Amino acid sequence: MGDAMATSNLHRPSGSLSAGSWSVDLDQARAGWTWSSLRVLTLGPGGSQRLATGPEEMLVLPLAGSCAVTCGGERLELAGRPSVFDGVTDFAYLPRGTVAVVVSERGGRFALPGALADRDLPLRYAAAADVAVELRGAGSCSRQVNNFCTQDAFEASRLLACEVITPAGNWSSYPPHKHDEERPGESVLEEIYYFEIADGTGGAGRAGVGYQRVYGTASRPVDVLAEVRSGDLVLVPHGWHGPSMAAPGYDMYYLNVMAGPGERRWLICDDPAHAWVRQTWDGQPVDPRLPFYGPGGGHGQGQVTGR
């Protein structure tokens, strides 16, 4: 994929990747890269979907609603959650080379982050209570990170995934950073941002909005400033990405899906022009609106870090 094509094709609005029950059907070929993928399944009450993982490992991650996952003669019940703003969720891990069926008695939406795998791992259930909830940044750069499938939280072959919730008016994915070189302190990872924006407090139907920035270097140009709404995706093949900007009045959620050719680690390099911003967080309190919720979905304190 050329840089001009990549730049024009990195913001995928809601509905542009839909196919049947899949409100998002983004495989590696559609993304124009090698490792990471994302599908979002929308089921009505009593709905079901059969899927084959092929060469990928995948997760079944409820965004809204509950479901049962049947795979290899086993059945996993996922309690899920009302919405991404109401709690962390349990999830299922699907190995490569398997066939699974997802069934939802009451209907819902279910994300399936995926990555091209090079190891065979077993089908597994992960409880919501085991998801590590972390608070990053301070002041107007405060955000909540649900580390459900990061390198230290959950074993996978290549897949890395986490959720970020940014309170209205705050910036996250900031300072801008990149992970597109294999070197000490940095790893090569393709990344997908999938967004959901909360309705405004003025009432239901007030569709929220946010913004996402991606920019490159002279040798590897990319230039995106996307207005994002619920169901939108932004793809990051390379380059600096951030900030993710939650507009005043509208809380922002995004699901990050990452995978790459090297060791399964999230190692980043800040843009040197903006790295100094981290120092300004010293002594600032974390936004009092955080955490939205703690492990298992209950309100509680998350671990506070400087990143």
C-alpha atoms as a PDB file:
ATOM      1  CA  MET A   1       0.000   0.000   0.000  1.00  0.00           C
ATOM      2  CA  GLY A   2       1.458   3.356  -0.996  1.00  0.00           C
ATOM      3  CA  ASP A   3       1.651   6.228   1.446  1.00  0.00           C
ATOM      4  CA  ALA A   4      -0.950   8.344  -0.409  1.00  0.00           C
ATOM      5  CA  MET A   5      -3.404   5.451  -0.451  1.00  0.00           C
ATOM      6  CA  ALA A   6      -2.644   4.671   3.194  1.00  0.00           C
ATOM      7  CA  THR A   7      -3.325   8.239   4.279  1.00  0.00           C
ATOM      8  CA  SER A   8      -6.658   8.442   2.452  1.00  0.00           C
ATOM      9  CA  ASN A   9      -7.751   5.040   3.690  1.00  0.00           C
ATOM     10  CA  LEU A  10      -6.829   5.116   7.375  1.00  0.00           C
ATOM     11  CA  HIS A  11     -10.101   6.549   8.698  1.00  0.00           C
ATOM     12  CA  ARG A  12     -12.875   3.997   8.213  1.00  0.00           C
ATOM     13  CA  PRO A  13     -16.255   5.532   9.151  1.00  0.00           C
ATOM     14  CA  SER A  14     -18.988   3.480  10.779  1.00  0.00           C
ATOM     15  CA  GLY A  15     -20.671   1.214   8.249  1.00  0.00           C
ATOM     16  CA  SER A  16     -17.878   1.332   5.690  1.00  0.00           C
ATOM     17  CA  LEU A  17     -16.594  -2.110   6.727  1.00  0.00           C
ATOM     18  CA  SER A  18     -19.932  -3.814   7.377  1.00  0.00           C
ATOM     19  CA  ALA A  19     -20.959  -7.183   5.931  1.00  0.00           C
ATOM     20  CA  GLY A  20     -24.075  -9.043   7.071  1.00  0.00           C
ATOM     21  CA  SER A  21     -24.006  -9.465  10.857  1.00  0.00           C
ATOM     22  CA  TRP A  22     -20.549  -7.899  10.968  1.00  0.00           C
ATOM     23  CA  SER A  23     -20.740  -4.153  11.589  1.00  0.00           C
ATOM     24  CA  VAL A  24     -16.935  -4.205  11.199  1.00  0.00           C
ATOM     25  CA  ASP A  25     -15.142  -6.797   9.076  1.00  0.00           C
ATOM     26  CA  LEU A  26     -11.507  -5.700   8.873  1.00  0.00           C
ATOM     27  CA  ASP A  27      -9.057  -8.435   7.968  1.00  0.00           C
ATOM     28  CA  GLN A  28      -5.392  -7.959   7.150  1.00  0.00           C
ATOM     29  CA  ALA A  29      -6.042  -7.667   3.421  1.00  0.00           C
ATOM     30  CA  ARG A  30      -8.622  -4.898   3.879  1.00  0.00           C
ATOM     31  CA  ALA A  31      -6.282  -3.091   6.256  1.00  0.00           C
ATOM     32  CA  GLY A  32      -3.415  -3.366   3.792  1.00  0.00           C
ATOM     33  CA  TRP A  33      -0.989  -4.922   6.238  1.00  0.00           C
ATOM     34  CA  THR A  34       0.071  -8.276   7.750  1.00  0.00           C
ATOM     35  CA  TRP A  35      -0.694  -8.886  11.410  1.00  0.00           C
ATOM     36  CA  SER A  36      -3.729  -7.334  13.134  1.00  0.00           C
ATOM     37  CA  SER A  37      -7.478  -7.473  12.456  1.00  0.00           C
ATOM     38  CA  LEU A  38     -10.793  -6.506  14.000  1.00  0.00           C
ATOM     39  CA  ARG A  39     -14.355  -7.661  13.551  1.00  0.00           C
ATOM     40  CA  VAL A  40     -17.428  -6.418  15.406  1.00  0.00           C
ATOM     41  CA  LEU A  41     -20.442  -8.712  15.464  1.00  0.00           C
ATOM     42  CA  THR A  42     -23.960  -7.344  15.972  1.00  0.00           C
ATOM     43  CA  LEU A  43     -26.612  -9.890  16.949  1.00  0.00           C
ATOM     44  CA  GLY A  44     -30.317  -9.465  17.566  1.00  0.00           C
ATOM     45  CA  PRO A  45     -32.104 -11.419  20.329  1.00  0.00           C
ATOM     46  CA  GLY A  46     -31.490 -15.113  19.798  1.00  0.00           C
ATOM     47  CA  GLY A  47     -28.987 -14.389  17.033  1.00  0.00           C
ATOM     48  CA  SER A  48     -25.949 -16.529  16.316  1.00  0.00           C
ATOM     49  CA  GLN A  49     -22.850 -16.442  14.132  1.00  0.00           C
ATOM     50  CA  ARG A  50     -20.461 -19.195  13.094  1.00  0.00           C
ATOM     51  CA  LEU A  51     -16.854 -18.172  12.498  1.00  0.00           C
ATOM     52  CA  ALA A  52     -13.569 -19.843  11.596  1.00  0.00           C
ATOM     53  CA  THR A  53     -10.387 -18.352  13.013  1.00  0.00           C
ATOM     54  CA  GLY A  54      -8.132 -19.698  10.256  1.00  0.00           C
ATOM     55  CA  PRO A  55      -4.517 -18.615  10.848  1.00  0.00           C
ATOM     56  CA  GLU A  56      -5.529 -16.044  13.492  1.00  0.00           C
ATOM     57  CA  GLU A  57      -6.008 -16.053  17.231  1.00  0.00           C
ATOM     58  CA  MET A  58      -9.076 -14.050  18.269  1.00  0.00           C
ATOM     59  CA  LEU A  59     -10.914 -12.828  21.320  1.00  0.00           C
ATOM     60  CA  VAL A  60     -14.653 -12.556  21.825  1.00  0.00           C
ATOM     61  CA  LEU A  61     -15.035  -9.314  23.789  1.00  0.00           C
ATOM     62  CA  PRO A  62     -18.572  -8.130  24.647  1.00  0.00           C
ATOM     63  CA  LEU A  63     -19.065  -4.423  23.977  1.00  0.00           C
ATOM     64  CA  ALA A  64     -22.746  -4.462  24.942  1.00  0.00           C
ATOM     65  CA  GLY A  65     -24.677  -7.544  25.978  1.00  0.00           C
ATOM     66  CA  SER A  66     -23.881 -11.133  26.902  1.00  0.00           C
ATOM     67  CA  CYS A  67     -23.266 -14.255  24.832  1.00  0.00           C
ATOM     68  CA  ALA A  68     -22.245 -17.894  24.821  1.00  0.00           C
ATOM     69  CA  VAL A  69     -19.263 -19.131  22.809  1.00  0.00           C
ATOM     70  CA  THR A  70     -19.124 -22.765  21.712  1.00  0.00           C
ATOM     71  CA  CYS A  71     -15.810 -24.063  20.402  1.00  0.00           C
ATOM     72  CA  GLY A  72     -14.301 -27.564  20.219  1.00  0.00           C
ATOM     73  CA  GLY A  73     -17.139 -29.075  22.207  1.00  0.00           C
ATOM     74  CA  GLU A  74     -16.776 -26.558  25.048  1.00  0.00           C
ATOM     75  CA  ARG A  75     -19.229 -23.792  25.926  1.00  0.00           C
ATOM     76  CA  LEU A  76     -18.137 -20.542  27.562  1.00  0.00           C
ATOM     77  CA  GLU A  77     -20.734 -18.165  29.031  1.00  0.00           C
ATOM     78  CA  LEU A  78     -19.778 -14.473  28.859  1.00  0.00           C
ATOM     79  CA  ALA A  79     -21.708 -12.215  31.239  1.00  0.00           C
ATOM     80  CA  GLY A  80     -20.631  -9.140  29.259  1.00  0.00           C
ATOM     81  CA  ARG A  81     -21.766  -5.638  30.243  1.00  0.00           C
ATOM     82  CA  PRO A  82     -24.460  -3.081  29.378  1.00  0.00           C
ATOM     83  CA  SER A  83     -21.980  -0.853  27.525  1.00  0.00           C
ATOM     84  CA  VAL A  84     -18.284  -0.030  27.357  1.00  0.00           C
ATOM     85  CA  PHE A  85     -18.888   2.852  29.769  1.00  0.00           C
ATOM     86  CA  ASP A  86     -20.458   0.607  32.433  1.00  0.00           C
ATOM     87  CA  GLY A  87     -17.693  -1.832  33.323  1.00  0.00           C
ATOM     88  CA  VAL A  88     -14.933  -4.153  32.248  1.00  0.00           C
ATOM     89  CA  THR A  89     -16.021  -7.454  30.757  1.00  0.00           C
ATOM     90  CA  ASP A  90     -15.102 -11.096  30.718  1.00  0.00           C
ATOM     91  CA  PHE A  91     -13.951 -12.484  27.368  1.00  0.00           C
ATOM     92  CA  ALA A  92     -12.999 -15.651  25.517  1.00  0.00           C
ATOM     93  CA  TYR A  93      -9.779 -16.554  23.707  1.00  0.00           C
ATOM     94  CA  LEU A  94     -10.139 -18.513  20.455  1.00  0.00           C
ATOM     95  CA  PRO A  95      -7.062 -20.358  19.112  1.00  0.00           C
ATOM     96  CA  ARG A  96      -6.081 -20.372  15.479  1.00  0.00           C
ATOM     97  CA  GLY A  97      -7.479 -23.153  13.306  1.00  0.00           C
ATOM     98  CA  THR A  98     -10.779 -23.484  15.169  1.00  0.00           C
ATOM     99  CA  VAL A  99     -14.470 -22.997  14.465  1.00  0.00           C
ATOM    100  CA  ALA A 100     -16.676 -21.235  17.010  1.00  0.00           C
ATOM    101  CA  VAL A 101     -20.329 -20.236  17.316  1.00  0.00           C
ATOM    102  CA  VAL A 102     -21.376 -17.068  19.164  1.00  0.00           C
ATOM    103  CA  VAL A 103     -24.992 -16.974  20.415  1.00  0.00           C
ATOM    104  CA  SER A 104     -26.677 -14.084  22.235  1.00  0.00           C
ATOM    105  CA  GLU A 105     -30.018 -14.667  23.924  1.00  0.00           C
ATOM    106  CA  ARG A 106     -30.806 -10.961  24.294  1.00  0.00           C
ATOM    107  CA  GLY A 107     -28.638  -9.604  21.495  1.00  0.00           C
ATOM    108  CA  GLY A 108     -25.625  -7.338  21.627  1.00  0.00           C
ATOM    109  CA  ARG A 109     -22.367  -6.245  20.058  1.00  0.00           C
ATOM    110  CA  PHE A 110     -19.171  -8.230  20.337  1.00  0.00           C
ATOM    111  CA  ALA A 111     -15.655  -7.247  19.244  1.00  0.00           C
ATOM    112  CA  LEU A 112     -13.290  -9.876  17.878  1.00  0.00           C
ATOM    113  CA  PRO A 113      -9.731  -8.501  17.935  1.00  0.00           C
ATOM    114  CA  GLY A 114      -7.405 -10.802  16.010  1.00  0.00           C
ATOM    115  CA  ALA A 115      -3.782 -11.374  15.073  1.00  0.00           C
ATOM    116  CA  LEU A 116      -1.904 -13.737  12.795  1.00  0.00           C
ATOM    117  CA  ALA A 117      -0.621 -16.350  15.250  1.00  0.00           C
ATOM    118  CA  ASP A 118       2.467 -18.532  15.311  1.00  0.00           C
ATOM    119  CA  ARG A 119       1.600 -20.587  18.426  1.00  0.00           C
ATOM    120  CA  ASP A 120      -1.237 -22.929  19.311  1.00  0.00           C
ATOM    121  CA  LEU A 121      -2.775 -21.938  22.653  1.00  0.00           C
ATOM    122  CA  PRO A 122      -5.907 -23.405  24.266  1.00  0.00           C
ATOM    123  CA  LEU A 123      -9.433 -22.041  24.296  1.00  0.00           C
ATOM    124  CA  ARG A 124      -9.740 -19.967  27.484  1.00  0.00           C
ATOM    125  CA  TYR A 125     -12.170 -17.919  29.546  1.00  0.00           C
ATOM    126  CA  ALA A 126     -10.966 -14.704  31.229  1.00  0.00           C
ATOM    127  CA  ALA A 127     -12.963 -13.204  34.114  1.00  0.00           C
ATOM    128  CA  ALA A 128     -13.798  -9.520  34.382  1.00  0.00           C
ATOM    129  CA  ALA A 129     -12.483  -9.500  37.945  1.00  0.00           C
ATOM    130  CA  ASP A 130      -9.005 -10.315  36.628  1.00  0.00           C
ATOM    131  CA  VAL A 131      -8.798  -7.326  34.258  1.00  0.00           C
ATOM    132  CA  ALA A 132      -6.223  -4.802  35.479  1.00  0.00           C
ATOM    133  CA  VAL A 133      -7.629  -1.252  35.520  1.00  0.00           C
ATOM    134  CA  GLU A 134      -4.952   1.423  35.276  1.00  0.00           C
ATOM    135  CA  LEU A 135      -5.088   5.229  35.443  1.00  0.00           C
ATOM    136  CA  ARG A 136      -2.582   7.020  33.236  1.00  0.00           C
ATOM    137  CA  GLY A 137      -1.555  10.636  32.993  1.00  0.00           C
ATOM    138  CA  ALA A 138      -2.850  13.513  35.110  1.00  0.00           C
ATOM    139  CA  GLY A 139      -5.009  16.599  34.808  1.00  0.00           C
ATOM    140  CA  SER A 140      -6.513  16.997  31.347  1.00  0.00           C
ATOM    141  CA  CYS A 141      -4.398  14.069  30.114  1.00  0.00           C
ATOM    142  CA  SER A 142      -5.970  11.622  32.579  1.00  0.00           C
ATOM    143  CA  ARG A 143      -7.468   8.430  31.153  1.00  0.00           C
ATOM    144  CA  GLN A 144      -8.407   4.915  32.219  1.00  0.00           C
ATOM    145  CA  VAL A 145      -6.846   1.846  30.607  1.00  0.00           C
ATOM    146  CA  ASN A 146      -8.331  -1.643  30.889  1.00  0.00           C
ATOM    147  CA  ASN A 147      -5.367  -3.963  30.325  1.00  0.00           C
ATOM    148  CA  PHE A 148      -7.268  -7.128  29.459  1.00  0.00           C
ATOM    149  CA  CYS A 149      -4.884  -8.550  26.822  1.00  0.00           C
ATOM    150  CA  THR A 150      -1.548  -6.794  27.255  1.00  0.00           C
ATOM    151  CA  GLN A 151       1.726  -8.695  27.519  1.00  0.00           C
ATOM    152  CA  ASP A 152       1.685  -9.054  31.305  1.00  0.00           C
ATOM    153  CA  ALA A 153      -2.070  -9.505  31.663  1.00  0.00           C
ATOM    154  CA  PHE A 154      -2.970 -12.378  29.336  1.00  0.00           C
ATOM    155  CA  GLU A 155      -1.026 -14.919  27.299  1.00  0.00           C
ATOM    156  CA  ALA A 156      -1.372 -14.806  23.527  1.00  0.00           C
ATOM    157  CA  SER A 157       0.771 -15.545  20.504  1.00  0.00           C
ATOM    158  CA  ARG A 158       0.993 -12.045  19.003  1.00  0.00           C
ATOM    159  CA  LEU A 159      -2.204 -10.213  19.912  1.00  0.00           C
ATOM    160  CA  LEU A 160      -2.100  -7.160  22.182  1.00  0.00           C
ATOM    161  CA  ALA A 161      -5.330  -5.360  23.089  1.00  0.00           C
ATOM    162  CA  CYS A 162      -6.573  -2.886  25.659  1.00  0.00           C
ATOM    163  CA  GLU A 163      -9.437  -0.440  26.196  1.00  0.00           C
ATOM    164  CA  VAL A 164      -9.058   3.266  26.949  1.00  0.00           C
ATOM    165  CA  ILE A 165     -11.716   5.582  28.347  1.00  0.00           C
ATOM    166  CA  THR A 166     -11.057   9.313  28.121  1.00  0.00           C
ATOM    167  CA  PRO A 167     -13.314  11.686  30.079  1.00  0.00           C
ATOM    168  CA  ALA A 168     -15.021  14.461  28.127  1.00  0.00           C
ATOM    169  CA  GLY A 169     -12.612  17.282  27.288  1.00  0.00           C
ATOM    170  CA  ASN A 170      -9.453  15.248  27.995  1.00  0.00           C
ATOM    171  CA  TRP A 171      -6.677  14.094  25.671  1.00  0.00           C
ATOM    172  CA  SER A 172      -5.269  10.565  25.628  1.00  0.00           C
ATOM    173  CA  SER A 173      -2.699   8.739  23.494  1.00  0.00           C
ATOM    174  CA  TYR A 174      -0.595  11.736  24.454  1.00  0.00           C
ATOM    175  CA  PRO A 175       2.199  12.716  24.068  1.00  0.00           C
ATOM    176  CA  PRO A 176       2.096  11.401  20.491  1.00  0.00           C
ATOM    177  CA  HIS A 177       4.112   8.197  20.209  1.00  0.00           C
ATOM    178  CA  LYS A 178       5.030   5.553  17.673  1.00  0.00           C
ATOM    179  CA  HIS A 179       6.009   1.890  17.464  1.00  0.00           C
ATOM    180  CA  ASP A 180       7.234   1.236  13.936  1.00  0.00           C
ATOM    181  CA  GLU A 181      10.931   0.409  14.365  1.00  0.00           C
ATOM    182  CA  GLU A 182      12.565  -2.652  15.897  1.00  0.00           C
ATOM    183  CA  ARG A 183      15.166  -1.173  18.232  1.00  0.00           C
ATOM    184  CA  PRO A 184      15.832  -0.889  21.983  1.00  0.00           C
ATOM    185  CA  GLY A 185      12.774   0.648  23.629  1.00  0.00           C
ATOM    186  CA  GLU A 186      10.543   0.350  20.566  1.00  0.00           C
ATOM    187  CA  SER A 187       8.696  -2.479  18.817  1.00  0.00           C
ATOM    188  CA  VAL A 188       6.943  -2.797  15.455  1.00  0.00           C
ATOM    189  CA  LEU A 189       3.166  -3.002  15.880  1.00  0.00           C
ATOM    190  CA  GLU A 190       0.274  -2.362  13.504  1.00  0.00           C
ATOM    191  CA  GLU A 191      -2.536  -0.716  15.463  1.00  0.00           C
ATOM    192  CA  ILE A 192      -6.294  -0.329  15.142  1.00  0.00           C
ATOM    193  CA  TYR A 193      -8.378   2.217  17.062  1.00  0.00           C
ATOM    194  CA  TYR A 194     -12.084   1.374  17.315  1.00  0.00           C
ATOM    195  CA  PHE A 195     -14.178   4.193  18.829  1.00  0.00           C
ATOM    196  CA  GLU A 196     -17.393   4.532  20.762  1.00  0.00           C
ATOM    197  CA  ILE A 197     -18.475   7.974  21.950  1.00  0.00           C
ATOM    198  CA  ALA A 198     -20.969   8.440  24.766  1.00  0.00           C
ATOM    199  CA  ASP A 199     -24.138  10.432  24.193  1.00  0.00           C
ATOM    200  CA  GLY A 200     -24.103  13.933  25.609  1.00  0.00           C
ATOM    201  CA  THR A 201     -25.745  14.593  28.949  1.00  0.00           C
ATOM    202  CA  GLY A 202     -28.329  16.733  27.173  1.00  0.00           C
ATOM    203  CA  GLY A 203     -30.220  13.558  26.343  1.00  0.00           C
ATOM    204  CA  ALA A 204     -30.170  10.401  24.292  1.00  0.00           C
ATOM    205  CA  GLY A 205     -29.656  10.826  20.600  1.00  0.00           C
ATOM    206  CA  ARG A 206     -27.079  13.588  20.973  1.00  0.00           C
ATOM    207  CA  ALA A 207     -24.410  11.676  19.054  1.00  0.00           C
ATOM    208  CA  GLY A 208     -20.949  12.372  20.408  1.00  0.00           C
ATOM    209  CA  VAL A 209     -17.793  13.184  18.522  1.00  0.00           C
ATOM    210  CA  GLY A 210     -14.034  13.025  19.061  1.00  0.00           C
ATOM    211  CA  TYR A 211     -10.832  13.483  17.061  1.00  0.00           C
ATOM    212  CA  GLN A 212      -7.795  11.345  16.273  1.00  0.00           C
ATOM    213  CA  ARG A 213      -4.424  12.478  14.937  1.00  0.00           C
ATOM    214  CA  VAL A 214      -1.837  10.373  13.062  1.00  0.00           C
ATOM    215  CA  TYR A 215       1.237  11.863  11.396  1.00  0.00           C
ATOM    216  CA  GLY A 216       4.482  10.551   9.992  1.00  0.00           C
ATOM    217  CA  THR A 217       8.005  11.537   9.093  1.00  0.00           C
ATOM    218  CA  ALA A 218       9.574  12.872   5.898  1.00  0.00           C
ATOM    219  CA  SER A 219      10.688   9.362   4.960  1.00  0.00           C
ATOM    220  CA  ARG A 220       7.389   7.689   5.898  1.00  0.00           C
ATOM    221  CA  PRO A 221       4.640  10.301   5.521  1.00  0.00           C
ATOM    222  CA  VAL A 222       1.127   9.917   6.841  1.00  0.00           C
ATOM    223  CA  ASP A 223      -1.335  12.676   7.721  1.00  0.00           C
ATOM    224  CA  VAL A 224      -4.707  12.049   9.371  1.00  0.00           C
ATOM    225  CA  LEU A 225      -6.907  14.274  11.501  1.00  0.00           C
ATOM    226  CA  ALA A 226     -10.172  12.372  11.731  1.00  0.00           C
ATOM    227  CA  GLU A 227     -13.478  13.359  13.289  1.00  0.00           C
ATOM    228  CA  VAL A 228     -14.561  10.068  14.875  1.00  0.00           C
ATOM    229  CA  ARG A 229     -17.958   8.846  16.004  1.00  0.00           C
ATOM    230  CA  SER A 230     -19.238   5.567  17.439  1.00  0.00           C
ATOM    231  CA  GLY A 231     -18.273   2.667  15.206  1.00  0.00           C
ATOM    232  CA  ASP A 232     -15.432   4.479  13.422  1.00  0.00           C
ATOM    233  CA  LEU A 233     -11.939   3.024  13.051  1.00  0.00           C
ATOM    234  CA  VAL A 234      -8.553   4.664  12.553  1.00  0.00           C
ATOM    235  CA  LEU A 235      -5.672   2.486  11.328  1.00  0.00           C
ATOM    236  CA  VAL A 236      -2.061   3.191  12.288  1.00  0.00           C
ATOM    237  CA  PRO A 237       0.385   1.357   9.997  1.00  0.00           C
ATOM    238  CA  HIS A 238       3.295   3.545  11.148  1.00  0.00           C
ATOM    239  CA  GLY A 239       4.062   7.031  12.393  1.00  0.00           C
ATOM    240  CA  TRP A 240       3.237   9.158  15.414  1.00  0.00           C
ATOM    241  CA  HIS A 241      -0.307   8.788  16.732  1.00  0.00           C
ATOM    242  CA  GLY A 242      -2.081  10.964  19.231  1.00  0.00           C
ATOM    243  CA  PRO A 243      -3.706  12.800  20.659  1.00  0.00           C
ATOM    244  CA  SER A 244      -7.069  11.090  20.897  1.00  0.00           C
ATOM    245  CA  MET A 245      -9.306  14.019  21.794  1.00  0.00           C
ATOM    246  CA  ALA A 246     -12.595  13.652  23.651  1.00  0.00           C
ATOM    247  CA  ALA A 247     -14.736  16.685  22.838  1.00  0.00           C
ATOM    248  CA  PRO A 248     -16.183  18.565  25.834  1.00  0.00           C
ATOM    249  CA  GLY A 249     -19.466  16.918  26.831  1.00  0.00           C
ATOM    250  CA  TYR A 250     -18.665  13.520  25.322  1.00  0.00           C
ATOM    251  CA  ASP A 251     -16.706  10.713  26.996  1.00  0.00           C
ATOM    252  CA  MET A 252     -14.609   8.677  24.558  1.00  0.00           C
ATOM    253  CA  TYR A 253     -13.906   4.925  24.462  1.00  0.00           C
ATOM    254  CA  TYR A 254     -11.517   3.184  22.141  1.00  0.00           C
ATOM    255  CA  LEU A 255     -10.363  -0.377  21.724  1.00  0.00           C
ATOM    256  CA  ASN A 256      -6.718  -0.732  20.687  1.00  0.00           C
ATOM    257  CA  VAL A 257      -5.733  -3.853  18.729  1.00  0.00           C
ATOM    258  CA  MET A 258      -2.035  -4.393  17.998  1.00  0.00           C
ATOM    259  CA  ALA A 259       0.206  -7.072  16.528  1.00  0.00           C
ATOM    260  CA  GLY A 260       3.561  -7.232  14.817  1.00  0.00           C
ATOM    261  CA  PRO A 261       6.420  -9.459  13.695  1.00  0.00           C
ATOM    262  CA  GLY A 262       8.644  -9.226  16.751  1.00  0.00           C
ATOM    263  CA  GLU A 263       8.428 -10.063  20.434  1.00  0.00           C
ATOM    264  CA  ARG A 264       4.961  -9.518  21.891  1.00  0.00           C
ATOM    265  CA  ARG A 265       5.657  -6.268  23.743  1.00  0.00           C
ATOM    266  CA  TRP A 266       4.203  -2.743  23.624  1.00  0.00           C
ATOM    267  CA  LEU A 267       7.304  -0.552  23.448  1.00  0.00           C
ATOM    268  CA  ILE A 268       6.847   3.054  22.342  1.00  0.00           C
ATOM    269  CA  CYS A 269       8.864   6.145  21.507  1.00  0.00           C
ATOM    270  CA  ASP A 270       7.416   9.589  22.279  1.00  0.00           C
ATOM    271  CA  ASP A 271       7.636  12.340  19.675  1.00  0.00           C
ATOM    272  CA  PRO A 272      10.663  14.302  20.965  1.00  0.00           C
ATOM    273  CA  ALA A 273       8.866  17.569  20.194  1.00  0.00           C
ATOM    274  CA  HIS A 274       6.194  16.785  22.795  1.00  0.00           C
ATOM    275  CA  ALA A 275       7.788  14.332  25.232  1.00  0.00           C
ATOM    276  CA  TRP A 276       8.372  17.127  27.763  1.00  0.00           C
ATOM    277  CA  VAL A 277       4.622  17.242  28.453  1.00  0.00           C
ATOM    278  CA  ARG A 278       4.934  14.160  30.675  1.00  0.00           C
ATOM    279  CA  GLN A 279       6.996  16.200  33.153  1.00  0.00           C
ATOM    280  CA  THR A 280       4.110  18.612  33.651  1.00  0.00           C
ATOM    281  CA  TRP A 281       2.017  15.816  35.165  1.00  0.00           C
ATOM    282  CA  ASP A 282       4.226  15.634  38.253  1.00  0.00           C
ATOM    283  CA  GLY A 283       2.209  16.886  41.204  1.00  0.00           C
ATOM    284  CA  GLN A 284      -1.040  17.111  39.256  1.00  0.00           C
ATOM    285  CA  PRO A 285      -3.959  15.003  40.477  1.00  0.00           C
ATOM    286  CA  VAL A 286      -5.671  12.446  38.298  1.00  0.00           C
ATOM    287  CA  ASP A 287      -8.988  13.679  36.924  1.00  0.00           C
ATOM    288  CA  PRO A 288     -11.537  13.072  39.743  1.00  0.00           C
ATOM    289  CA  ARG A 289     -13.994  11.589  37.233  1.00  0.00           C
ATOM    290  CA  LEU A 290     -11.732   8.540  37.104  1.00  0.00           C
ATOM    291  CA  PRO A 291     -11.981   5.664  37.449  1.00  0.00           C
ATOM    292  CA  PHE A 292     -15.249   5.177  35.577  1.00  0.00           C
ATOM    293  CA  TYR A 293     -15.298   1.751  37.208  1.00  0.00           C
ATOM    294  CA  GLY A 294     -12.840  -0.690  38.726  1.00  0.00           C
ATOM    295  CA  PRO A 295     -12.056  -4.360  38.107  1.00  0.00           C
ATOM    296  CA  GLY A 296     -15.153  -6.470  37.673  1.00  0.00           C
ATOM    297  CA  GLY A 297     -17.218  -3.407  36.745  1.00  0.00           C
ATOM    298  CA  GLY A 298     -17.605  -1.930  40.221  1.00  0.00           C
ATOM    299  CA  HIS A 299     -16.561   1.619  41.065  1.00  0.00           C
ATOM    300  CA  GLY A 300     -13.101   1.504  42.544  1.00  0.00           C
ATOM    301  CA  GLN A 301      -9.563   2.772  42.386  1.00  0.00           C
ATOM    302  CA  GLY A 302      -7.288   1.758  39.556  1.00  0.00           C
ATOM    303  CA  GLN A 303      -3.513   1.637  39.623  1.00  0.00           C
ATOM    304  CA  VAL A 304      -2.061   5.068  38.874  1.00  0.00           C
ATOM    305  CA  THR A 305       0.963   5.287  36.558  1.00  0.00           C
ATOM    306  CA  GLY A 306       2.779   8.117  34.843  1.00  0.00           C
ATOM    307  CA  ARG A 307       2.045   7.002  31.293  1.00  0.00           C
END
